[in-house]
Amino acid sequence: MSHNHQAKIPGLARMLSLFAALLVPSLLYAQNCALCYTQAASAGHRVIQALRSGILMLIAPPMFICIAIAIMAYRKRNQFNSAE
């Protein structure tokens, strides 16, 4: 393979990954349930605020678990690389 051809492959991979990253959020918006949307839209202000609080409550535990795992991995990163 020529050097020029090898340089094009990473660039193509980057463009494809960028395209996929831009495509995913638009697919996620399509997951809304019409019944859920109409019920939430017709609800009062207090119900909408409760839904928002509930969403935050569901996001917090996985976020803290991921942060804890990242901290533990960072602290243990050189455990197996020590010279004996």
PDB file of N, CA and C in Angstrom:
ATOM      1  N   MET A   1       0.828  -1.181   0.000  1.00  0.00           N
ATOM      2  CA  MET A   1       0.000   0.000   0.000  1.00  0.00           C
ATOM      3  C   MET A   1       0.873   1.246   0.000  1.00  0.00           C
ATOM      4  N   SER A   2       0.414   2.238  -0.675  1.00  0.00           N
ATOM      5  CA  SER A   2       1.164   3.478  -0.713  1.00  0.00           C
ATOM      6  C   SER A   2       0.927   4.269   0.568  1.00  0.00           C
ATOM      7  N   HIS A   3       1.822   5.188   0.826  1.00  0.00           N
ATOM      8  CA  HIS A   3       1.730   6.014   2.030  1.00  0.00           C
ATOM      9  C   HIS A   3       0.486   6.902   1.969  1.00  0.00           C
ATOM     10  N   ASN A   4       0.144   7.406   0.792  1.00  0.00           N
ATOM     11  CA  ASN A   4      -1.011   8.278   0.634  1.00  0.00           C
ATOM     12  C   ASN A   4      -2.313   7.528   0.939  1.00  0.00           C
ATOM     13  N   HIS A   5      -2.391   6.264   0.514  1.00  0.00           N
ATOM     14  CA  HIS A   5      -3.590   5.466   0.767  1.00  0.00           C
ATOM     15  C   HIS A   5      -3.758   5.187   2.256  1.00  0.00           C
ATOM     16  N   GLN A   6      -2.640   4.958   2.958  1.00  0.00           N
ATOM     17  CA  GLN A   6      -2.709   4.700   4.393  1.00  0.00           C
ATOM     18  C   GLN A   6      -3.159   5.939   5.152  1.00  0.00           C
ATOM     19  N   ALA A   7      -2.832   7.106   4.665  1.00  0.00           N
ATOM     20  CA  ALA A   7      -3.231   8.345   5.329  1.00  0.00           C
ATOM     21  C   ALA A   7      -4.722   8.608   5.153  1.00  0.00           C
ATOM     22  N   LYS A   8      -5.323   8.114   4.078  1.00  0.00           N
ATOM     23  CA  LYS A   8      -6.744   8.353   3.828  1.00  0.00           C
ATOM     24  C   LYS A   8      -7.636   7.515   4.738  1.00  0.00           C
ATOM     25  N   ILE A   9      -7.171   6.344   5.135  1.00  0.00           N
ATOM     26  CA  ILE A   9      -8.004   5.445   5.942  1.00  0.00           C
ATOM     27  C   ILE A   9      -8.343   6.050   7.305  1.00  0.00           C
ATOM     28  N   PRO A  10      -7.390   6.588   8.082  1.00  0.00           N
ATOM     29  CA  PRO A  10      -7.778   7.203   9.354  1.00  0.00           C
ATOM     30  C   PRO A  10      -8.696   8.412   9.164  1.00  0.00           C
ATOM     31  N   GLY A  11      -8.475   9.168   8.120  1.00  0.00           N
ATOM     32  CA  GLY A  11      -9.343  10.309   7.858  1.00  0.00           C
ATOM     33  C   GLY A  11     -10.767   9.875   7.556  1.00  0.00           C
ATOM     34  N   LEU A  12     -10.894   8.796   6.791  1.00  0.00           N
ATOM     35  CA  LEU A  12     -12.214   8.258   6.486  1.00  0.00           C
ATOM     36  C   LEU A  12     -12.884   7.728   7.745  1.00  0.00           C
ATOM     37  N   ALA A  13     -12.120   7.065   8.599  1.00  0.00           N
ATOM     38  CA  ALA A  13     -12.670   6.547   9.855  1.00  0.00           C
ATOM     39  C   ALA A  13     -13.130   7.689  10.750  1.00  0.00           C
ATOM     40  N   ARG A  14     -12.375   8.760  10.775  1.00  0.00           N
ATOM     41  CA  ARG A  14     -12.779   9.925  11.578  1.00  0.00           C
ATOM     42  C   ARG A  14     -14.062  10.536  11.051  1.00  0.00           C
ATOM     43  N   MET A  15     -14.171  10.656   9.750  1.00  0.00           N
ATOM     44  CA  MET A  15     -15.393  11.234   9.167  1.00  0.00           C
ATOM     45  C   MET A  15     -16.597  10.347   9.438  1.00  0.00           C
ATOM     46  N   LEU A  16     -16.423   9.031   9.329  1.00  0.00           N
ATOM     47  CA  LEU A  16     -17.532   8.121   9.602  1.00  0.00           C
ATOM     48  C   LEU A  16     -17.950   8.162  11.066  1.00  0.00           C
ATOM     49  N   SER A  17     -16.984   8.241  11.972  1.00  0.00           N
ATOM     50  CA  SER A  17     -17.332   8.309  13.391  1.00  0.00           C
ATOM     51  C   SER A  17     -18.006   9.640  13.730  1.00  0.00           C
ATOM     52  N   LEU A  18     -17.583  10.725  13.101  1.00  0.00           N
ATOM     53  CA  LEU A  18     -18.242  12.009  13.304  1.00  0.00           C
ATOM     54  C   LEU A  18     -19.673  11.959  12.788  1.00  0.00           C
ATOM     55  N   PHE A  19     -19.861  11.370  11.620  1.00  0.00           N
ATOM     56  CA  PHE A  19     -21.205  11.235  11.060  1.00  0.00           C
ATOM     57  C   PHE A  19     -22.091  10.393  11.974  1.00  0.00           C
ATOM     58  N   ALA A  20     -21.557   9.308  12.522  1.00  0.00           N
ATOM     59  CA  ALA A  20     -22.330   8.450  13.423  1.00  0.00           C
ATOM     60  C   ALA A  20     -22.681   9.194  14.709  1.00  0.00           C
ATOM     61  N   ALA A  21     -21.742   9.986  15.217  1.00  0.00           N
ATOM     62  CA  ALA A  21     -22.007  10.745  16.438  1.00  0.00           C
ATOM     63  C   ALA A  21     -23.085  11.806  16.215  1.00  0.00           C
ATOM     64  N   LEU A  22     -23.114  12.380  15.040  1.00  0.00           N
ATOM     65  CA  LEU A  22     -24.142  13.373  14.736  1.00  0.00           C
ATOM     66  C   LEU A  22     -25.490  12.725  14.450  1.00  0.00           C
ATOM     67  N   LEU A  23     -25.475  11.497  13.994  1.00  0.00           N
ATOM     68  CA  LEU A  23     -26.704  10.796  13.653  1.00  0.00           C
ATOM     69  C   LEU A  23     -27.413  10.245  14.886  1.00  0.00           C
ATOM     70  N   VAL A  24     -26.674   9.805  15.881  1.00  0.00           N
ATOM     71  CA  VAL A  24     -27.260   9.150  17.051  1.00  0.00           C
ATOM     72  C   VAL A  24     -28.247  10.046  17.794  1.00  0.00           C
ATOM     73  N   PRO A  25     -27.940  11.321  18.108  1.00  0.00           N
ATOM     74  CA  PRO A  25     -28.928  12.122  18.826  1.00  0.00           C
ATOM     75  C   PRO A  25     -30.250  12.273  18.066  1.00  0.00           C
ATOM     76  N   SER A  26     -30.192  12.359  16.761  1.00  0.00           N
ATOM     77  CA  SER A  26     -31.443  12.481  16.027  1.00  0.00           C
ATOM     78  C   SER A  26     -32.266  11.209  16.122  1.00  0.00           C
ATOM     79  N   LEU A  27     -31.602  10.055  16.213  1.00  0.00           N
ATOM     80  CA  LEU A  27     -32.326   8.803  16.401  1.00  0.00           C
ATOM     81  C   LEU A  27     -32.909   8.714  17.805  1.00  0.00           C
ATOM     82  N   LEU A  28     -32.228   9.280  18.785  1.00  0.00           N
ATOM     83  CA  LEU A  28     -32.723   9.220  20.152  1.00  0.00           C
ATOM     84  C   LEU A  28     -33.988  10.060  20.316  1.00  0.00           C
ATOM     85  N   TYR A  29     -34.095  11.162  19.592  1.00  0.00           N
ATOM     86  CA  TYR A  29     -35.297  11.982  19.686  1.00  0.00           C
ATOM     87  C   TYR A  29     -36.510  11.254  19.120  1.00  0.00           C
ATOM     88  N   ALA A  30     -36.292  10.296  18.252  1.00  0.00           N
ATOM     89  CA  ALA A  30     -37.398   9.554  17.658  1.00  0.00           C
ATOM     90  C   ALA A  30     -37.975   8.521  18.617  1.00  0.00           C
ATOM     91  N   GLN A  31     -37.372   8.334  19.779  1.00  0.00           N
ATOM     92  CA  GLN A  31     -37.831   7.327  20.715  1.00  0.00           C
ATOM     93  C   GLN A  31     -38.957   7.821  21.624  1.00  0.00           C
ATOM     94  N   ASN A  32     -39.407   9.040  21.463  1.00  0.00           N
ATOM     95  CA  ASN A  32     -40.466   9.575  22.310  1.00  0.00           C
ATOM     96  C   ASN A  32     -41.784   8.864  22.059  1.00  0.00           C
ATOM     97  N   CYS A  33     -42.463   8.573  23.130  1.00  0.00           N
ATOM     98  CA  CYS A  33     -43.779   7.951  23.049  1.00  0.00           C
ATOM     99  C   CYS A  33     -44.816   9.068  22.916  1.00  0.00           C
ATOM    100  N   ALA A  34     -45.690   8.957  21.950  1.00  0.00           N
ATOM    101  CA  ALA A  34     -46.690  10.001  21.720  1.00  0.00           C
ATOM    102  C   ALA A  34     -47.637  10.132  22.911  1.00  0.00           C
ATOM    103  N   LEU A  35     -48.000   9.015  23.524  1.00  0.00           N
ATOM    104  CA  LEU A  35     -48.891   9.055  24.677  1.00  0.00           C
ATOM    105  C   LEU A  35     -48.213   9.746  25.855  1.00  0.00           C
ATOM    106  N   CYS A  36     -46.962   9.408  26.099  1.00  0.00           N
ATOM    107  CA  CYS A  36     -46.227  10.041  27.200  1.00  0.00           C
ATOM    108  C   CYS A  36     -46.079  11.541  26.958  1.00  0.00           C
ATOM    109  N   TYR A  37     -45.796  11.915  25.721  1.00  0.00           N
ATOM    110  CA  TYR A  37     -45.624  13.328  25.394  1.00  0.00           C
ATOM    111  C   TYR A  37     -46.915  14.104  25.616  1.00  0.00           C
ATOM    112  N   THR A  38     -48.035  13.568  25.152  1.00  0.00           N
ATOM    113  CA  THR A  38     -49.305  14.290  25.313  1.00  0.00           C
ATOM    114  C   THR A  38     -49.719  14.362  26.779  1.00  0.00           C
ATOM    115  N   GLN A  39     -49.459  13.311  27.550  1.00  0.00           N
ATOM    116  CA  GLN A  39     -49.794  13.343  28.973  1.00  0.00           C
ATOM    117  C   GLN A  39     -48.938  14.374  29.704  1.00  0.00           C
ATOM    118  N   ALA A  40     -47.666  14.432  29.386  1.00  0.00           N
ATOM    119  CA  ALA A  40     -46.785  15.392  30.040  1.00  0.00           C
ATOM    120  C   ALA A  40     -47.116  16.816  29.616  1.00  0.00           C
ATOM    121  N   ALA A  41     -47.467  17.005  28.356  1.00  0.00           N
ATOM    122  CA  ALA A  41     -47.782  18.342  27.867  1.00  0.00           C
ATOM    123  C   ALA A  41     -49.078  18.867  28.465  1.00  0.00           C
ATOM    124  N   SER A  42     -50.026  17.983  28.729  1.00  0.00           N
ATOM    125  CA  SER A  42     -51.304  18.432  29.289  1.00  0.00           C
ATOM    126  C   SER A  42     -51.270  18.521  30.814  1.00  0.00           C
ATOM    127  N   ALA A  43     -50.194  18.076  31.428  1.00  0.00           N
ATOM    128  CA  ALA A  43     -50.087  18.110  32.886  1.00  0.00           C
ATOM    129  C   ALA A  43     -49.798  19.524  33.361  1.00  0.00           C
ATOM    130  N   GLY A  44     -50.018  19.716  34.627  1.00  0.00           N
ATOM    131  CA  GLY A  44     -49.754  21.023  35.223  1.00  0.00           C
ATOM    132  C   GLY A  44     -48.283  21.246  35.475  1.00  0.00           C
ATOM    133  N   HIS A  45     -47.996  22.437  35.978  1.00  0.00           N
ATOM    134  CA  HIS A  45     -46.609  22.827  36.223  1.00  0.00           C
ATOM    135  C   HIS A  45     -45.955  21.926  37.267  1.00  0.00           C
ATOM    136  N   ARG A  46     -46.690  21.545  38.289  1.00  0.00           N
ATOM    137  CA  ARG A  46     -46.118  20.720  39.361  1.00  0.00           C
ATOM    138  C   ARG A  46     -45.755  19.328  38.847  1.00  0.00           C
ATOM    139  N   VAL A  47     -46.575  18.775  37.966  1.00  0.00           N
ATOM    140  CA  VAL A  47     -46.286  17.444  37.419  1.00  0.00           C
ATOM    141  C   VAL A  47     -45.065  17.499  36.513  1.00  0.00           C
ATOM    142  N   ILE A  48     -44.958  18.545  35.708  1.00  0.00           N
ATOM    143  CA  ILE A  48     -43.792  18.701  34.833  1.00  0.00           C
ATOM    144  C   ILE A  48     -42.520  18.838  35.669  1.00  0.00           C
ATOM    145  N   GLN A  49     -42.595  19.614  36.762  1.00  0.00           N
ATOM    146  CA  GLN A  49     -41.430  19.751  37.641  1.00  0.00           C
ATOM    147  C   GLN A  49     -41.085  18.425  38.302  1.00  0.00           C
ATOM    148  N   ALA A  50     -42.095  17.635  38.659  1.00  0.00           N
ATOM    149  CA  ALA A  50     -41.839  16.314  39.253  1.00  0.00           C
ATOM    150  C   ALA A  50     -41.186  15.388  38.234  1.00  0.00           C
ATOM    151  N   LEU A  51     -41.594  15.456  36.983  1.00  0.00           N
ATOM    152  CA  LEU A  51     -40.961  14.643  35.939  1.00  0.00           C
ATOM    153  C   LEU A  51     -39.491  15.018  35.765  1.00  0.00           C
ATOM    154  N   ARG A  52     -39.222  16.304  35.772  1.00  0.00           N
ATOM    155  CA  ARG A  52     -37.828  16.758  35.633  1.00  0.00           C
ATOM    156  C   ARG A  52     -36.986  16.295  36.822  1.00  0.00           C
ATOM    157  N   SER A  53     -37.543  16.387  38.020  1.00  0.00           N
ATOM    158  CA  SER A  53     -36.810  15.928  39.205  1.00  0.00           C
ATOM    159  C   SER A  53     -36.586  14.422  39.150  1.00  0.00           C
ATOM    160  N   GLY A  54     -37.592  13.690  38.687  1.00  0.00           N
ATOM    161  CA  GLY A  54     -37.452  12.238  38.561  1.00  0.00           C
ATOM    162  C   GLY A  54     -36.374  11.850  37.573  1.00  0.00           C
ATOM    163  N   ILE A  55     -36.283  12.584  36.474  1.00  0.00           N
ATOM    164  CA  ILE A  55     -35.242  12.304  35.485  1.00  0.00           C
ATOM    165  C   ILE A  55     -33.861  12.533  36.098  1.00  0.00           C
ATOM    166  N   LEU A  56     -33.711  13.602  36.862  1.00  0.00           N
ATOM    167  CA  LEU A  56     -32.427  13.861  37.510  1.00  0.00           C
ATOM    168  C   LEU A  56     -32.094  12.784  38.532  1.00  0.00           C
ATOM    169  N   MET A  57     -33.115  12.305  39.243  1.00  0.00           N
ATOM    170  CA  MET A  57     -32.883  11.241  40.222  1.00  0.00           C
ATOM    171  C   MET A  57     -32.446   9.949  39.533  1.00  0.00           C
ATOM    172  N   LEU A  58     -32.940   9.695  38.337  1.00  0.00           N
ATOM    173  CA  LEU A  58     -32.547   8.486  37.613  1.00  0.00           C
ATOM    174  C   LEU A  58     -31.170   8.610  36.975  1.00  0.00           C
ATOM    175  N   ILE A  59     -30.737   9.835  36.707  1.00  0.00           N
ATOM    176  CA  ILE A  59     -29.428  10.045  36.081  1.00  0.00           C
ATOM    177  C   ILE A  59     -28.303  10.013  37.115  1.00  0.00           C
ATOM    178  N   ALA A  60     -28.565  10.485  38.322  1.00  0.00           N
ATOM    179  CA  ALA A  60     -27.513  10.647  39.322  1.00  0.00           C
ATOM    180  C   ALA A  60     -26.816   9.346  39.721  1.00  0.00           C
ATOM    181  N   PRO A  61     -27.503   8.273  40.105  1.00  0.00           N
ATOM    182  CA  PRO A  61     -26.774   7.074  40.544  1.00  0.00           C
ATOM    183  C   PRO A  61     -25.829   6.478  39.492  1.00  0.00           C
ATOM    184  N   PRO A  62     -26.249   6.291  38.228  1.00  0.00           N
ATOM    185  CA  PRO A  62     -25.284   5.762  37.256  1.00  0.00           C
ATOM    186  C   PRO A  62     -24.085   6.689  37.037  1.00  0.00           C
ATOM    187  N   MET A  63     -24.329   7.993  37.107  1.00  0.00           N
ATOM    188  CA  MET A  63     -23.234   8.938  36.929  1.00  0.00           C
ATOM    189  C   MET A  63     -22.220   8.802  38.064  1.00  0.00           C
ATOM    190  N   PHE A  64     -22.711   8.709  39.308  1.00  0.00           N
ATOM    191  CA  PHE A  64     -21.803   8.559  40.438  1.00  0.00           C
ATOM    192  C   PHE A  64     -21.076   7.215  40.405  1.00  0.00           C
ATOM    193  N   ILE A  65     -21.751   6.174  39.961  1.00  0.00           N
ATOM    194  CA  ILE A  65     -21.102   4.860  39.842  1.00  0.00           C
ATOM    195  C   ILE A  65     -19.981   4.919  38.807  1.00  0.00           C
ATOM    196  N   CYS A  66     -20.226   5.551  37.674  1.00  0.00           N
ATOM    197  CA  CYS A  66     -19.190   5.678  36.635  1.00  0.00           C
ATOM    198  C   CYS A  66     -18.019   6.509  37.123  1.00  0.00           C
ATOM    199  N   ILE A  67     -18.291   7.572  37.853  1.00  0.00           N
ATOM    200  CA  ILE A  67     -17.215   8.401  38.395  1.00  0.00           C
ATOM    201  C   ILE A  67     -16.393   7.607  39.401  1.00  0.00           C
ATOM    202  N   ALA A  68     -17.062   6.822  40.251  1.00  0.00           N
ATOM    203  CA  ALA A  68     -16.344   6.010  41.236  1.00  0.00           C
ATOM    204  C   ALA A  68     -15.460   4.967  40.559  1.00  0.00           C
ATOM    205  N   ILE A  69     -15.962   4.332  39.516  1.00  0.00           N
ATOM    206  CA  ILE A  69     -15.159   3.344  38.788  1.00  0.00           C
ATOM    207  C   ILE A  69     -13.962   4.014  38.125  1.00  0.00           C
ATOM    208  N   ALA A  70     -14.163   5.193  37.560  1.00  0.00           N
ATOM    209  CA  ALA A  70     -13.058   5.911  36.922  1.00  0.00           C
ATOM    210  C   ALA A  70     -12.002   6.299  37.944  1.00  0.00           C
ATOM    211  N   ILE A  71     -12.423   6.730  39.134  1.00  0.00           N
ATOM    212  CA  ILE A  71     -11.466   7.099  40.178  1.00  0.00           C
ATOM    213  C   ILE A  71     -10.684   5.876  40.639  1.00  0.00           C
ATOM    214  N   MET A  72     -11.376   4.753  40.841  1.00  0.00           N
ATOM    215  CA  MET A  72     -10.679   3.527  41.258  1.00  0.00           C
ATOM    216  C   MET A  72      -9.706   3.054  40.184  1.00  0.00           C
ATOM    217  N   ALA A  73     -10.100   3.126  38.915  1.00  0.00           N
ATOM    218  CA  ALA A  73      -9.205   2.718  37.833  1.00  0.00           C
ATOM    219  C   ALA A  73      -7.990   3.642  37.758  1.00  0.00           C
ATOM    220  N   TYR A  74      -8.197   4.936  37.985  1.00  0.00           N
ATOM    221  CA  TYR A  74      -7.091   5.888  37.953  1.00  0.00           C
ATOM    222  C   TYR A  74      -6.100   5.609  39.083  1.00  0.00           C
ATOM    223  N   ARG A  75      -6.616   5.287  40.259  1.00  0.00           N
ATOM    224  CA  ARG A  75      -5.738   5.008  41.400  1.00  0.00           C
ATOM    225  C   ARG A  75      -4.973   3.697  41.235  1.00  0.00           C
ATOM    226  N   LYS A  76      -5.560   2.726  40.549  1.00  0.00           N
ATOM    227  CA  LYS A  76      -4.934   1.409  40.395  1.00  0.00           C
ATOM    228  C   LYS A  76      -4.208   1.266  39.061  1.00  0.00           C
ATOM    229  N   ARG A  77      -4.022   2.332  38.316  1.00  0.00           N
ATOM    230  CA  ARG A  77      -3.500   2.251  36.952  1.00  0.00           C
ATOM    231  C   ARG A  77      -2.094   1.666  36.876  1.00  0.00           C
ATOM    232  N   ASN A  78      -1.269   1.845  37.878  1.00  0.00           N
ATOM    233  CA  ASN A  78       0.113   1.361  37.825  1.00  0.00           C
ATOM    234  C   ASN A  78       0.360   0.166  38.731  1.00  0.00           C
ATOM    235  N   GLN A  79      -0.679  -0.480  39.203  1.00  0.00           N
ATOM    236  CA  GLN A  79      -0.526  -1.583  40.144  1.00  0.00           C
ATOM    237  C   GLN A  79       0.234  -2.756  39.522  1.00  0.00           C
ATOM    238  N   PHE A  80       0.000  -3.057  38.269  1.00  0.00           N
ATOM    239  CA  PHE A  80       0.632  -4.204  37.627  1.00  0.00           C
ATOM    240  C   PHE A  80       1.898  -3.831  36.864  1.00  0.00           C
ATOM    241  N   ASN A  81       2.266  -2.578  36.827  1.00  0.00           N
ATOM    242  CA  ASN A  81       3.455  -2.150  36.105  1.00  0.00           C
ATOM    243  C   ASN A  81       4.655  -1.954  37.024  1.00  0.00           C
ATOM    244  N   SER A  82       4.520  -2.265  38.286  1.00  0.00           N
ATOM    245  CA  SER A  82       5.620  -2.041  39.219  1.00  0.00           C
ATOM    246  C   SER A  82       6.729  -3.071  38.966  1.00  0.00           C
ATOM    247  N   ALA A  83       7.964  -2.611  39.097  1.00  0.00           N
ATOM    248  CA  ALA A  83       9.115  -3.501  38.896  1.00  0.00           C
ATOM    249  C   ALA A  83       9.344  -4.300  40.160  1.00  0.00           C
ATOM    250  N   GLU A  84       9.548  -5.585  40.003  1.00  0.00           N
ATOM    251  CA  GLU A  84       9.750  -6.461  41.174  1.00  0.00           C
ATOM    252  C   GLU A  84      11.186  -6.845  41.313  1.00  0.00           C
TER     253      GLU A  84
END
